[in-house]
Amino acid sequence: TAIYGFSTDARAFLRTKGAGIWRWSPDSDRLDLIFDGGVRGGHIIGVTEDDRVVGIRGQDYFISTGRSDFELRRVPVESSGRPMHFLVGGASGRIWGGPPFGQTVCSYEIESGEYHNTGAVVDAGGEVYGAVEVDGKLITASYSGGDFALYDPEQPWDQWNGINPRPIGSVSEQGLIRPTGRMKRGPDGMLYSGWQAKYGTYGGALVRLNPSTDEIT
């Protein structure tokens, strides 16, 4: 399909299924593959004059460094205020929130007044609808891939390699995508979240997550 927003009189860009982006120009009269890397939940928004692909992923932007590779960079501005899908406190003295659009979480440290915005906690697009702090770590429930993840704010951030945040599992195979019921910790120590079925279907589910074993029921 043509990418009209990227194309000019001098260059036309086309996208194949997936992430492949091709460039055509009347001078060369041929298609050249300029990028075929997976952006894992990111959104490609343009191409530079020297054919580097740029886009947004969570609180970061990316720019391609080769046909299959790109570099993640922090957006160099302070984020504006946004409403929250949830606000939850934890024994660590942090208040956690889940802003819309970006698959990120934010935290506010009550004692110091410091705040922080993370990058994307999982690869799928969407947002974090619910979270619970357990032993100083945050367990999140996300739309639209039905994902659970574990984030330790005391450890270095390495979401790209699945280290921190670490993916726990997903309920997408059960047809569940949006945790509109948020997530709470029960008196039994289990985490309970309420889920909406995928688009075009009726239904939902209550999902139990064991934070000690990562078992999802």
N, C-alpha and C. Protein backbone atom coordinates (compact mmCIF):
# COMPACT_ATOMS: atom_id res chain seq x y z
N THR A 1 0.83 -1.19 0.00
CA THR A 1 0.00 0.00 0.00
C THR A 1 0.87 1.24 0.00
N ALA A 2 0.38 2.30 -0.61
CA ALA A 2 1.14 3.55 -0.65
C ALA A 2 1.08 4.27 0.70
N ILE A 3 2.17 4.91 1.06
CA ILE A 3 2.23 5.72 2.29
C ILE A 3 2.18 7.17 1.85
N TYR A 4 0.98 7.70 1.75
CA TYR A 4 0.82 9.02 1.16
C TYR A 4 1.47 10.12 2.00
N GLY A 5 1.43 9.99 3.32
CA GLY A 5 1.98 11.03 4.16
C GLY A 5 3.48 11.19 4.04
N PHE A 6 4.18 10.14 3.60
CA PHE A 6 5.64 10.20 3.48
C PHE A 6 6.07 10.65 2.09
N SER A 7 5.24 10.46 1.10
CA SER A 7 5.66 10.61 -0.29
C SER A 7 5.67 12.07 -0.73
N THR A 8 6.56 12.37 -1.68
CA THR A 8 6.67 13.71 -2.27
C THR A 8 6.71 13.55 -3.79
N ASP A 9 6.87 14.67 -4.50
CA ASP A 9 6.99 14.60 -5.95
C ASP A 9 8.26 13.86 -6.37
N ALA A 10 9.29 13.88 -5.50
CA ALA A 10 10.57 13.26 -5.84
C ALA A 10 10.67 11.81 -5.41
N ARG A 11 9.89 11.41 -4.38
CA ARG A 11 10.00 10.05 -3.85
C ARG A 11 8.61 9.55 -3.47
N ALA A 12 8.38 8.28 -3.73
CA ALA A 12 7.16 7.63 -3.28
C ALA A 12 7.55 6.44 -2.41
N PHE A 13 6.82 6.26 -1.30
CA PHE A 13 7.11 5.16 -0.39
C PHE A 13 5.91 4.22 -0.34
N LEU A 14 6.22 2.93 -0.29
CA LEU A 14 5.20 1.90 -0.21
C LEU A 14 5.55 0.96 0.92
N ARG A 15 4.51 0.45 1.56
CA ARG A 15 4.72 -0.47 2.68
C ARG A 15 4.14 -1.84 2.34
N THR A 16 4.91 -2.87 2.63
CA THR A 16 4.43 -4.23 2.49
C THR A 16 3.84 -4.67 3.81
N LYS A 17 3.18 -5.82 3.80
CA LYS A 17 2.60 -6.34 5.03
C LYS A 17 3.71 -6.56 6.03
N GLY A 18 3.56 -6.00 7.22
CA GLY A 18 4.63 -6.03 8.20
C GLY A 18 5.28 -4.67 8.26
N ALA A 19 6.60 -4.62 8.29
CA ALA A 19 7.30 -3.34 8.47
C ALA A 19 8.12 -2.93 7.26
N GLY A 20 8.08 -3.69 6.18
CA GLY A 20 8.90 -3.36 5.02
C GLY A 20 8.47 -2.07 4.35
N ILE A 21 9.42 -1.15 4.15
CA ILE A 21 9.15 0.11 3.48
C ILE A 21 10.07 0.22 2.27
N TRP A 22 9.45 0.51 1.12
CA TRP A 22 10.18 0.59 -0.15
C TRP A 22 10.10 2.02 -0.67
N ARG A 23 11.18 2.44 -1.36
CA ARG A 23 11.21 3.78 -1.96
C ARG A 23 11.26 3.65 -3.48
N TRP A 24 10.47 4.49 -4.15
CA TRP A 24 10.51 4.56 -5.62
C TRP A 24 10.69 6.03 -6.01
N SER A 25 11.52 6.26 -7.01
CA SER A 25 11.67 7.62 -7.53
C SER A 25 11.64 7.57 -9.05
N PRO A 26 11.15 8.62 -9.69
CA PRO A 26 11.10 8.62 -11.16
C PRO A 26 12.49 8.62 -11.78
N ASP A 27 13.49 9.08 -11.05
CA ASP A 27 14.85 9.09 -11.58
C ASP A 27 15.41 7.68 -11.72
N SER A 28 15.21 6.85 -10.71
CA SER A 28 15.75 5.49 -10.76
C SER A 28 14.77 4.50 -11.38
N ASP A 29 13.47 4.79 -11.26
CA ASP A 29 12.41 3.92 -11.77
C ASP A 29 12.57 2.48 -11.27
N ARG A 30 12.86 2.37 -9.96
CA ARG A 30 12.96 1.03 -9.36
C ARG A 30 12.56 1.14 -7.89
N LEU A 31 12.22 0.00 -7.31
CA LEU A 31 11.88 -0.07 -5.90
C LEU A 31 13.11 -0.47 -5.10
N ASP A 32 13.41 0.29 -4.05
CA ASP A 32 14.53 -0.01 -3.16
C ASP A 32 14.00 -0.20 -1.75
N LEU A 33 14.34 -1.33 -1.15
CA LEU A 33 13.95 -1.60 0.23
C LEU A 33 14.82 -0.76 1.16
N ILE A 34 14.20 0.12 1.95
CA ILE A 34 14.99 0.96 2.86
C ILE A 34 14.86 0.53 4.32
N PHE A 35 13.81 -0.25 4.65
CA PHE A 35 13.68 -0.69 6.04
C PHE A 35 12.76 -1.90 6.11
N ASP A 36 13.20 -2.94 6.83
CA ASP A 36 12.34 -4.11 7.03
C ASP A 36 12.46 -4.63 8.46
N GLY A 37 12.85 -3.75 9.38
CA GLY A 37 12.97 -4.15 10.78
C GLY A 37 11.63 -4.10 11.50
N GLY A 38 11.46 -4.96 12.51
CA GLY A 38 10.25 -4.93 13.32
C GLY A 38 10.36 -3.86 14.40
N VAL A 39 9.31 -3.06 14.55
CA VAL A 39 9.34 -1.97 15.54
C VAL A 39 8.57 -2.33 16.81
N ARG A 40 7.96 -3.51 16.86
CA ARG A 40 7.40 -4.09 18.09
C ARG A 40 6.57 -3.09 18.88
N GLY A 41 5.43 -2.74 18.32
CA GLY A 41 4.52 -1.84 19.00
C GLY A 41 4.76 -0.37 18.71
N GLY A 42 5.85 -0.04 17.98
CA GLY A 42 6.12 1.34 17.61
C GLY A 42 5.31 1.75 16.39
N HIS A 43 5.32 3.04 16.11
CA HIS A 43 4.57 3.57 14.97
C HIS A 43 5.51 4.39 14.09
N ILE A 44 5.69 3.97 12.86
CA ILE A 44 6.51 4.72 11.91
C ILE A 44 5.74 5.95 11.47
N ILE A 45 6.37 7.12 11.55
CA ILE A 45 5.66 8.35 11.24
C ILE A 45 6.30 9.14 10.10
N GLY A 46 7.46 8.72 9.60
CA GLY A 46 8.06 9.47 8.50
C GLY A 46 9.38 8.90 8.05
N VAL A 47 9.93 9.52 6.99
CA VAL A 47 11.23 9.15 6.43
C VAL A 47 12.02 10.42 6.20
N THR A 48 13.28 10.44 6.62
CA THR A 48 14.11 11.63 6.47
C THR A 48 14.57 11.77 5.02
N GLU A 49 15.21 12.89 4.72
CA GLU A 49 15.72 13.14 3.37
C GLU A 49 16.75 12.10 2.95
N ASP A 50 17.51 11.56 3.94
CA ASP A 50 18.50 10.54 3.61
C ASP A 50 17.96 9.12 3.85
N ASP A 51 16.63 8.96 3.77
CA ASP A 51 15.97 7.65 3.78
C ASP A 51 16.08 6.91 5.10
N ARG A 52 16.16 7.61 6.21
CA ARG A 52 16.11 6.96 7.52
C ARG A 52 14.67 7.01 8.03
N VAL A 53 14.19 5.88 8.49
CA VAL A 53 12.82 5.76 9.00
C VAL A 53 12.78 6.26 10.44
N VAL A 54 11.77 7.05 10.77
CA VAL A 54 11.62 7.57 12.13
C VAL A 54 10.23 7.24 12.64
N GLY A 55 10.11 7.13 13.96
CA GLY A 55 8.81 6.82 14.55
C GLY A 55 8.82 6.98 16.05
N ILE A 56 7.70 6.60 16.68
CA ILE A 56 7.49 6.74 18.11
C ILE A 56 7.24 5.37 18.71
N ARG A 57 7.84 5.12 19.88
CA ARG A 57 7.59 3.88 20.63
C ARG A 57 7.59 4.23 22.12
N GLY A 58 6.39 4.27 22.71
CA GLY A 58 6.29 4.66 24.11
C GLY A 58 6.71 6.10 24.31
N GLN A 59 7.61 6.33 25.29
CA GLN A 59 8.14 7.66 25.56
C GLN A 59 9.38 7.95 24.71
N ASP A 60 9.73 7.03 23.81
CA ASP A 60 10.93 7.16 22.99
C ASP A 60 10.57 7.40 21.53
N TYR A 61 11.51 7.94 20.79
CA TYR A 61 11.39 7.93 19.34
C TYR A 61 12.53 7.09 18.80
N PHE A 62 12.38 6.60 17.57
CA PHE A 62 13.43 5.78 16.99
C PHE A 62 13.77 6.28 15.60
N ILE A 63 14.99 5.98 15.20
CA ILE A 63 15.47 6.33 13.87
C ILE A 63 16.31 5.17 13.35
N SER A 64 16.07 4.76 12.13
CA SER A 64 16.75 3.58 11.61
C SER A 64 18.24 3.86 11.40
N THR A 65 19.04 2.85 11.70
CA THR A 65 20.49 2.93 11.51
C THR A 65 20.96 1.95 10.43
N GLY A 66 20.03 1.31 9.78
CA GLY A 66 20.32 0.33 8.73
C GLY A 66 19.00 -0.22 8.24
N ARG A 67 19.09 -1.17 7.34
CA ARG A 67 17.86 -1.70 6.76
C ARG A 67 17.00 -2.42 7.79
N SER A 68 17.63 -3.04 8.80
CA SER A 68 16.86 -3.82 9.77
C SER A 68 17.02 -3.32 11.20
N ASP A 69 17.81 -2.30 11.44
CA ASP A 69 18.10 -1.86 12.79
C ASP A 69 17.68 -0.42 13.01
N PHE A 70 17.39 -0.09 14.26
CA PHE A 70 17.11 1.30 14.61
C PHE A 70 17.59 1.58 16.03
N GLU A 71 17.72 2.85 16.34
CA GLU A 71 18.17 3.30 17.64
C GLU A 71 17.02 3.99 18.37
N LEU A 72 16.80 3.57 19.63
CA LEU A 72 15.78 4.21 20.46
C LEU A 72 16.40 5.41 21.17
N ARG A 73 15.70 6.54 21.15
CA ARG A 73 16.16 7.74 21.82
C ARG A 73 15.02 8.33 22.64
N ARG A 74 15.36 8.88 23.78
CA ARG A 74 14.35 9.51 24.63
C ARG A 74 13.85 10.79 23.97
N VAL A 75 12.55 11.01 23.96
CA VAL A 75 12.00 12.26 23.44
C VAL A 75 12.50 13.39 24.34
N PRO A 76 13.24 14.37 23.80
CA PRO A 76 13.96 15.35 24.64
C PRO A 76 13.11 16.52 25.11
N VAL A 77 11.89 16.24 25.56
CA VAL A 77 11.03 17.28 26.12
C VAL A 77 10.32 16.70 27.33
N GLU A 78 9.86 17.57 28.21
CA GLU A 78 9.08 17.11 29.35
C GLU A 78 7.68 16.75 28.89
N SER A 79 7.20 15.59 29.34
CA SER A 79 5.88 15.12 28.92
C SER A 79 4.79 16.01 29.51
N SER A 80 3.77 16.26 28.74
CA SER A 80 2.64 17.03 29.24
C SER A 80 1.75 16.15 30.10
N GLY A 81 0.93 16.79 30.93
CA GLY A 81 0.03 16.05 31.79
C GLY A 81 -1.03 15.31 30.99
N ARG A 82 -1.41 14.12 31.46
CA ARG A 82 -2.44 13.34 30.80
C ARG A 82 -3.33 12.68 31.85
N PRO A 83 -4.56 12.35 31.51
CA PRO A 83 -5.40 11.60 32.46
C PRO A 83 -4.86 10.19 32.63
N MET A 84 -5.35 9.49 33.64
CA MET A 84 -4.82 8.17 33.97
C MET A 84 -5.90 7.10 33.85
N HIS A 85 -5.50 5.93 33.39
CA HIS A 85 -6.38 4.77 33.45
C HIS A 85 -6.47 4.24 34.87
N PHE A 86 -5.39 4.41 35.65
CA PHE A 86 -5.42 3.97 37.04
C PHE A 86 -4.40 4.79 37.85
N LEU A 87 -4.62 4.85 39.14
CA LEU A 87 -3.65 5.36 40.11
C LEU A 87 -3.62 4.37 41.26
N VAL A 88 -2.42 3.95 41.66
CA VAL A 88 -2.31 2.97 42.74
C VAL A 88 -1.05 3.26 43.55
N GLY A 89 -1.16 3.15 44.87
CA GLY A 89 -0.02 3.34 45.75
C GLY A 89 0.63 2.02 46.11
N GLY A 90 1.87 2.10 46.57
CA GLY A 90 2.59 0.90 46.97
C GLY A 90 3.39 1.13 48.23
N ALA A 91 3.81 0.03 48.87
CA ALA A 91 4.58 0.12 50.11
C ALA A 91 5.93 0.80 49.90
N SER A 92 6.40 0.89 48.66
CA SER A 92 7.68 1.53 48.37
C SER A 92 7.62 3.05 48.51
N GLY A 93 6.40 3.60 48.68
CA GLY A 93 6.26 5.04 48.75
C GLY A 93 6.06 5.69 47.40
N ARG A 94 5.77 4.88 46.39
CA ARG A 94 5.49 5.40 45.06
C ARG A 94 4.00 5.35 44.75
N ILE A 95 3.55 6.32 43.99
CA ILE A 95 2.22 6.28 43.39
C ILE A 95 2.41 6.02 41.90
N TRP A 96 1.74 5.01 41.40
CA TRP A 96 1.87 4.60 40.01
C TRP A 96 0.64 5.02 39.22
N GLY A 97 0.84 5.34 37.95
CA GLY A 97 -0.27 5.67 37.07
C GLY A 97 -0.05 5.10 35.69
N GLY A 98 -1.15 4.99 34.94
CA GLY A 98 -1.09 4.49 33.57
C GLY A 98 -1.74 5.46 32.62
N PRO A 99 -0.96 6.32 31.95
CA PRO A 99 -1.55 7.30 31.03
C PRO A 99 -2.00 6.65 29.73
N PRO A 100 -2.96 7.25 29.03
CA PRO A 100 -3.40 6.70 27.74
C PRO A 100 -2.37 6.93 26.65
N PHE A 101 -2.39 6.06 25.65
CA PHE A 101 -1.59 6.20 24.44
C PHE A 101 -0.08 6.14 24.73
N GLY A 102 0.49 4.95 24.59
CA GLY A 102 1.92 4.85 24.72
C GLY A 102 2.43 3.61 25.43
N GLN A 103 1.55 2.80 26.05
CA GLN A 103 1.96 1.56 26.71
C GLN A 103 3.02 1.83 27.78
N THR A 104 2.86 2.91 28.54
CA THR A 104 3.85 3.30 29.53
C THR A 104 3.21 3.41 30.91
N VAL A 105 4.07 3.48 31.93
CA VAL A 105 3.61 3.80 33.28
C VAL A 105 4.44 4.97 33.80
N CYS A 106 3.89 5.65 34.78
CA CYS A 106 4.61 6.74 35.42
C CYS A 106 4.56 6.53 36.93
N SER A 107 5.51 7.12 37.63
CA SER A 107 5.54 6.99 39.08
C SER A 107 5.90 8.32 39.73
N TYR A 108 5.38 8.51 40.94
CA TYR A 108 5.67 9.69 41.74
C TYR A 108 6.13 9.22 43.11
N GLU A 109 7.33 9.64 43.52
CA GLU A 109 7.87 9.27 44.82
C GLU A 109 7.43 10.30 45.85
N ILE A 110 6.62 9.87 46.81
CA ILE A 110 5.99 10.79 47.75
C ILE A 110 7.02 11.54 48.59
N GLU A 111 8.05 10.86 49.06
CA GLU A 111 9.01 11.50 49.97
C GLU A 111 9.88 12.53 49.27
N SER A 112 10.38 12.20 48.07
CA SER A 112 11.31 13.09 47.37
C SER A 112 10.62 14.05 46.40
N GLY A 113 9.40 13.70 45.98
CA GLY A 113 8.70 14.50 44.99
C GLY A 113 9.15 14.24 43.56
N GLU A 114 10.02 13.25 43.36
CA GLU A 114 10.50 12.93 42.01
C GLU A 114 9.45 12.12 41.26
N TYR A 115 9.42 12.31 39.93
CA TYR A 115 8.51 11.54 39.11
C TYR A 115 9.26 11.01 37.88
N HIS A 116 8.71 9.96 37.30
CA HIS A 116 9.40 9.30 36.20
C HIS A 116 8.38 8.72 35.24
N ASN A 117 8.66 8.81 33.95
CA ASN A 117 7.86 8.17 32.90
C ASN A 117 8.70 7.08 32.25
N THR A 118 8.15 5.89 32.12
CA THR A 118 8.89 4.78 31.53
C THR A 118 8.72 4.75 30.02
N GLY A 119 9.47 3.87 29.38
CA GLY A 119 9.22 3.52 28.00
C GLY A 119 8.08 2.51 27.93
N ALA A 120 7.89 1.91 26.76
CA ALA A 120 6.84 0.91 26.58
C ALA A 120 7.15 -0.33 27.41
N VAL A 121 6.19 -0.80 28.21
CA VAL A 121 6.44 -1.93 29.10
C VAL A 121 6.29 -3.27 28.37
N VAL A 122 5.51 -3.30 27.27
CA VAL A 122 5.38 -4.50 26.44
C VAL A 122 5.43 -4.08 24.98
N ASP A 123 5.56 -5.05 24.10
CA ASP A 123 5.72 -4.75 22.67
C ASP A 123 4.43 -4.32 22.00
N ALA A 124 3.29 -4.86 22.43
CA ALA A 124 2.04 -4.57 21.74
C ALA A 124 1.66 -3.10 21.92
N GLY A 125 0.96 -2.55 20.92
CA GLY A 125 0.43 -1.21 21.07
C GLY A 125 -0.69 -1.19 22.09
N GLY A 126 -1.05 0.01 22.55
CA GLY A 126 -2.13 0.11 23.52
C GLY A 126 -1.69 0.84 24.77
N GLU A 127 -2.26 0.44 25.89
CA GLU A 127 -2.03 1.16 27.14
C GLU A 127 -2.05 0.20 28.32
N VAL A 128 -1.46 0.65 29.44
CA VAL A 128 -1.52 -0.09 30.70
C VAL A 128 -2.77 0.36 31.44
N TYR A 129 -3.69 -0.57 31.64
CA TYR A 129 -4.96 -0.25 32.28
C TYR A 129 -4.97 -0.51 33.78
N GLY A 130 -4.10 -1.38 34.24
CA GLY A 130 -4.09 -1.71 35.66
C GLY A 130 -2.73 -2.20 36.09
N ALA A 131 -2.43 -2.03 37.38
CA ALA A 131 -1.15 -2.47 37.91
C ALA A 131 -1.25 -2.61 39.43
N VAL A 132 -0.39 -3.45 39.99
CA VAL A 132 -0.30 -3.64 41.43
C VAL A 132 1.17 -3.74 41.79
N GLU A 133 1.57 -3.05 42.87
CA GLU A 133 2.94 -3.17 43.35
C GLU A 133 3.04 -4.35 44.31
N VAL A 134 4.00 -5.24 44.05
CA VAL A 134 4.23 -6.41 44.89
C VAL A 134 5.72 -6.45 45.24
N ASP A 135 6.04 -6.32 46.51
CA ASP A 135 7.43 -6.35 46.98
C ASP A 135 8.30 -5.34 46.24
N GLY A 136 7.77 -4.15 46.03
CA GLY A 136 8.54 -3.09 45.38
C GLY A 136 8.59 -3.14 43.88
N LYS A 137 8.01 -4.18 43.29
CA LYS A 137 7.98 -4.33 41.83
C LYS A 137 6.54 -4.12 41.35
N LEU A 138 6.41 -3.65 40.13
CA LEU A 138 5.10 -3.37 39.58
C LEU A 138 4.71 -4.44 38.57
N ILE A 139 3.53 -5.03 38.75
CA ILE A 139 2.97 -5.98 37.80
C ILE A 139 1.85 -5.27 37.05
N THR A 140 1.94 -5.28 35.72
CA THR A 140 1.02 -4.50 34.89
C THR A 140 0.11 -5.40 34.06
N ALA A 141 -1.07 -4.86 33.72
CA ALA A 141 -2.01 -5.52 32.81
C ALA A 141 -2.31 -4.54 31.68
N SER A 142 -2.11 -4.98 30.43
CA SER A 142 -2.13 -4.06 29.30
C SER A 142 -3.09 -4.48 28.19
N TYR A 143 -3.75 -3.49 27.62
CA TYR A 143 -4.43 -3.57 26.34
C TYR A 143 -3.36 -3.22 25.28
N SER A 144 -3.29 -3.75 24.07
CA SER A 144 -4.32 -4.52 23.42
C SER A 144 -3.93 -5.98 23.22
N GLY A 145 -2.75 -6.35 23.72
CA GLY A 145 -2.31 -7.73 23.54
C GLY A 145 -2.63 -8.64 24.70
N GLY A 146 -3.38 -8.12 25.70
CA GLY A 146 -3.72 -8.94 26.85
C GLY A 146 -2.52 -9.33 27.67
N ASP A 147 -1.55 -8.43 27.81
CA ASP A 147 -0.25 -8.77 28.39
C ASP A 147 -0.13 -8.43 29.87
N PHE A 148 0.60 -9.29 30.58
CA PHE A 148 1.08 -9.01 31.93
C PHE A 148 2.61 -8.87 31.88
N ALA A 149 3.14 -7.94 32.69
CA ALA A 149 4.58 -7.74 32.74
C ALA A 149 5.00 -7.37 34.15
N LEU A 150 6.28 -7.57 34.46
CA LEU A 150 6.84 -7.27 35.78
C LEU A 150 7.97 -6.26 35.62
N TYR A 151 7.84 -5.12 36.30
CA TYR A 151 8.83 -4.05 36.22
C TYR A 151 9.44 -3.79 37.59
N ASP A 152 10.77 -3.81 37.66
CA ASP A 152 11.51 -3.50 38.89
C ASP A 152 12.16 -2.12 38.73
N PRO A 153 11.65 -1.09 39.40
CA PRO A 153 12.19 0.25 39.22
C PRO A 153 13.59 0.43 39.78
N GLU A 154 14.06 -0.54 40.56
CA GLU A 154 15.41 -0.44 41.13
C GLU A 154 16.48 -1.03 40.22
N GLN A 155 16.06 -1.67 39.12
CA GLN A 155 17.00 -2.29 38.19
C GLN A 155 17.05 -1.51 36.88
N PRO A 156 18.14 -1.65 36.11
CA PRO A 156 18.25 -0.93 34.83
C PRO A 156 17.12 -1.30 33.88
N TRP A 157 16.67 -0.34 33.11
CA TRP A 157 15.61 -0.56 32.13
C TRP A 157 16.16 -1.32 30.93
N ASP A 158 15.53 -2.44 30.56
CA ASP A 158 15.93 -3.20 29.36
C ASP A 158 14.72 -3.97 28.85
N GLN A 159 13.71 -3.23 28.42
CA GLN A 159 12.50 -3.87 27.93
C GLN A 159 12.73 -4.56 26.59
N TRP A 160 13.59 -3.99 25.75
CA TRP A 160 13.80 -4.54 24.41
C TRP A 160 14.26 -5.99 24.46
N ASN A 161 15.08 -6.34 25.44
CA ASN A 161 15.58 -7.71 25.57
C ASN A 161 14.76 -8.55 26.54
N GLY A 162 13.61 -8.03 26.98
CA GLY A 162 12.72 -8.79 27.84
C GLY A 162 13.24 -9.02 29.24
N ILE A 163 14.14 -8.14 29.71
CA ILE A 163 14.75 -8.31 31.03
C ILE A 163 14.03 -7.48 32.08
N ASN A 164 13.82 -6.20 31.83
CA ASN A 164 13.15 -5.31 32.77
C ASN A 164 12.53 -4.13 32.02
N PRO A 165 11.20 -4.16 31.87
CA PRO A 165 10.21 -5.11 32.39
C PRO A 165 10.32 -6.49 31.71
N ARG A 166 9.92 -7.49 32.48
CA ARG A 166 9.92 -8.86 31.99
C ARG A 166 8.50 -9.29 31.66
N PRO A 167 8.26 -9.84 30.46
CA PRO A 167 6.91 -10.33 30.15
C PRO A 167 6.55 -11.53 31.00
N ILE A 168 5.32 -11.56 31.52
CA ILE A 168 4.84 -12.68 32.33
C ILE A 168 4.00 -13.63 31.49
N GLY A 169 3.10 -13.09 30.69
CA GLY A 169 2.22 -13.92 29.89
C GLY A 169 1.11 -13.07 29.30
N SER A 170 0.21 -13.73 28.57
CA SER A 170 -0.85 -13.02 27.87
C SER A 170 -2.13 -13.85 27.90
N VAL A 171 -3.26 -13.14 27.84
CA VAL A 171 -4.56 -13.82 27.75
C VAL A 171 -5.19 -13.59 26.38
N SER A 172 -4.40 -13.18 25.41
CA SER A 172 -4.94 -12.90 24.07
C SER A 172 -5.46 -14.17 23.40
N GLU A 173 -4.86 -15.33 23.68
CA GLU A 173 -5.34 -16.57 23.06
C GLU A 173 -6.73 -16.95 23.56
N GLN A 174 -7.14 -16.39 24.69
CA GLN A 174 -8.49 -16.62 25.21
C GLN A 174 -9.46 -15.56 24.67
N GLY A 175 -9.00 -14.73 23.74
CA GLY A 175 -9.85 -13.72 23.13
C GLY A 175 -10.05 -12.49 23.98
N LEU A 176 -9.15 -12.24 24.95
CA LEU A 176 -9.26 -11.11 25.86
C LEU A 176 -8.21 -10.07 25.51
N ILE A 177 -8.61 -8.79 25.49
CA ILE A 177 -7.65 -7.77 25.04
C ILE A 177 -7.55 -6.56 25.95
N ARG A 178 -8.66 -6.20 26.66
CA ARG A 178 -8.64 -4.92 27.38
C ARG A 178 -9.02 -5.12 28.85
N PRO A 179 -8.10 -4.82 29.78
CA PRO A 179 -8.40 -5.02 31.21
C PRO A 179 -9.16 -3.84 31.80
N THR A 180 -10.41 -3.65 31.33
CA THR A 180 -11.21 -2.52 31.80
C THR A 180 -11.55 -2.64 33.28
N GLY A 181 -11.45 -3.85 33.85
CA GLY A 181 -11.70 -4.05 35.27
C GLY A 181 -10.49 -3.75 36.13
N ARG A 182 -9.41 -3.26 35.51
CA ARG A 182 -8.18 -2.93 36.23
C ARG A 182 -7.64 -4.17 36.94
N MET A 183 -6.83 -4.00 38.00
CA MET A 183 -6.25 -5.14 38.69
C MET A 183 -6.13 -4.83 40.18
N LYS A 184 -6.46 -5.81 41.02
CA LYS A 184 -6.39 -5.67 42.47
C LYS A 184 -5.73 -6.90 43.08
N ARG A 185 -5.14 -6.71 44.27
CA ARG A 185 -4.57 -7.84 45.00
C ARG A 185 -5.59 -8.32 46.02
N GLY A 186 -5.89 -9.62 45.99
CA GLY A 186 -6.86 -10.18 46.92
C GLY A 186 -6.23 -10.54 48.24
N PRO A 187 -7.06 -10.87 49.25
CA PRO A 187 -6.54 -11.27 50.56
C PRO A 187 -5.73 -12.55 50.52
N ASP A 188 -5.86 -13.31 49.44
CA ASP A 188 -5.07 -14.54 49.28
C ASP A 188 -3.71 -14.27 48.64
N GLY A 189 -3.41 -13.00 48.32
CA GLY A 189 -2.13 -12.66 47.71
C GLY A 189 -2.13 -12.75 46.20
N MET A 190 -3.23 -13.24 45.61
CA MET A 190 -3.33 -13.34 44.16
C MET A 190 -3.74 -11.98 43.57
N LEU A 191 -3.42 -11.79 42.29
CA LEU A 191 -3.80 -10.57 41.58
C LEU A 191 -4.99 -10.89 40.68
N TYR A 192 -6.05 -10.08 40.77
CA TYR A 192 -7.26 -10.31 40.01
C TYR A 192 -7.51 -9.12 39.08
N SER A 193 -7.78 -9.43 37.82
CA SER A 193 -8.05 -8.39 36.82
C SER A 193 -9.28 -8.76 36.02
N GLY A 194 -10.04 -7.73 35.59
CA GLY A 194 -11.25 -7.95 34.80
C GLY A 194 -11.01 -7.57 33.36
N TRP A 195 -11.37 -8.46 32.43
CA TRP A 195 -11.01 -8.30 31.02
C TRP A 195 -12.22 -8.27 30.10
N GLN A 196 -12.10 -7.45 29.08
CA GLN A 196 -13.10 -7.35 28.02
C GLN A 196 -12.66 -8.20 26.84
N ALA A 197 -13.65 -8.81 26.17
CA ALA A 197 -13.34 -9.65 25.01
C ALA A 197 -12.91 -8.79 23.82
N LYS A 198 -12.30 -9.43 22.83
CA LYS A 198 -11.82 -8.72 21.65
C LYS A 198 -12.98 -8.12 20.88
N TYR A 199 -12.67 -7.18 20.02
CA TYR A 199 -13.69 -6.47 19.25
C TYR A 199 -14.52 -7.44 18.41
N GLY A 200 -15.80 -7.13 18.29
CA GLY A 200 -16.68 -7.96 17.48
C GLY A 200 -17.23 -9.17 18.20
N THR A 201 -16.89 -9.34 19.48
CA THR A 201 -17.38 -10.47 20.26
C THR A 201 -17.93 -9.97 21.59
N TYR A 202 -18.76 -10.79 22.22
CA TYR A 202 -19.29 -10.48 23.54
C TYR A 202 -18.58 -11.35 24.56
N GLY A 203 -18.47 -10.84 25.77
CA GLY A 203 -17.89 -11.66 26.82
C GLY A 203 -16.78 -10.94 27.56
N GLY A 204 -16.22 -11.65 28.50
CA GLY A 204 -15.14 -11.13 29.32
C GLY A 204 -14.71 -12.19 30.30
N ALA A 205 -13.80 -11.82 31.19
CA ALA A 205 -13.30 -12.83 32.13
C ALA A 205 -12.66 -12.16 33.33
N LEU A 206 -12.65 -12.88 34.42
CA LEU A 206 -11.87 -12.53 35.59
C LEU A 206 -10.61 -13.39 35.55
N VAL A 207 -9.46 -12.76 35.58
CA VAL A 207 -8.20 -13.47 35.44
C VAL A 207 -7.41 -13.39 36.75
N ARG A 208 -6.90 -14.53 37.20
CA ARG A 208 -6.11 -14.59 38.42
C ARG A 208 -4.65 -14.82 38.06
N LEU A 209 -3.77 -14.01 38.63
CA LEU A 209 -2.33 -14.13 38.40
C LEU A 209 -1.65 -14.38 39.73
N ASN A 210 -0.88 -15.45 39.82
CA ASN A 210 -0.09 -15.75 41.00
C ASN A 210 1.25 -15.04 40.87
N PRO A 211 1.53 -14.00 41.69
CA PRO A 211 2.76 -13.25 41.52
C PRO A 211 4.02 -14.03 41.93
N SER A 212 3.84 -15.14 42.60
CA SER A 212 4.99 -15.96 43.02
C SER A 212 5.43 -16.93 41.95
N THR A 213 4.45 -17.42 41.15
CA THR A 213 4.76 -18.45 40.17
C THR A 213 4.51 -18.01 38.73
N ASP A 214 3.90 -16.83 38.51
CA ASP A 214 3.49 -16.32 37.19
C ASP A 214 2.37 -17.14 36.56
N GLU A 215 1.73 -18.00 37.33
CA GLU A 215 0.62 -18.80 36.79
C GLU A 215 -0.59 -17.89 36.53
N ILE A 216 -1.17 -18.01 35.32
CA ILE A 216 -2.33 -17.22 34.94
C ILE A 216 -3.52 -18.15 34.77
N THR A 217 -4.64 -17.84 35.44
CA THR A 217 -5.83 -18.67 35.39
C THR A 217 -7.03 -17.81 35.01
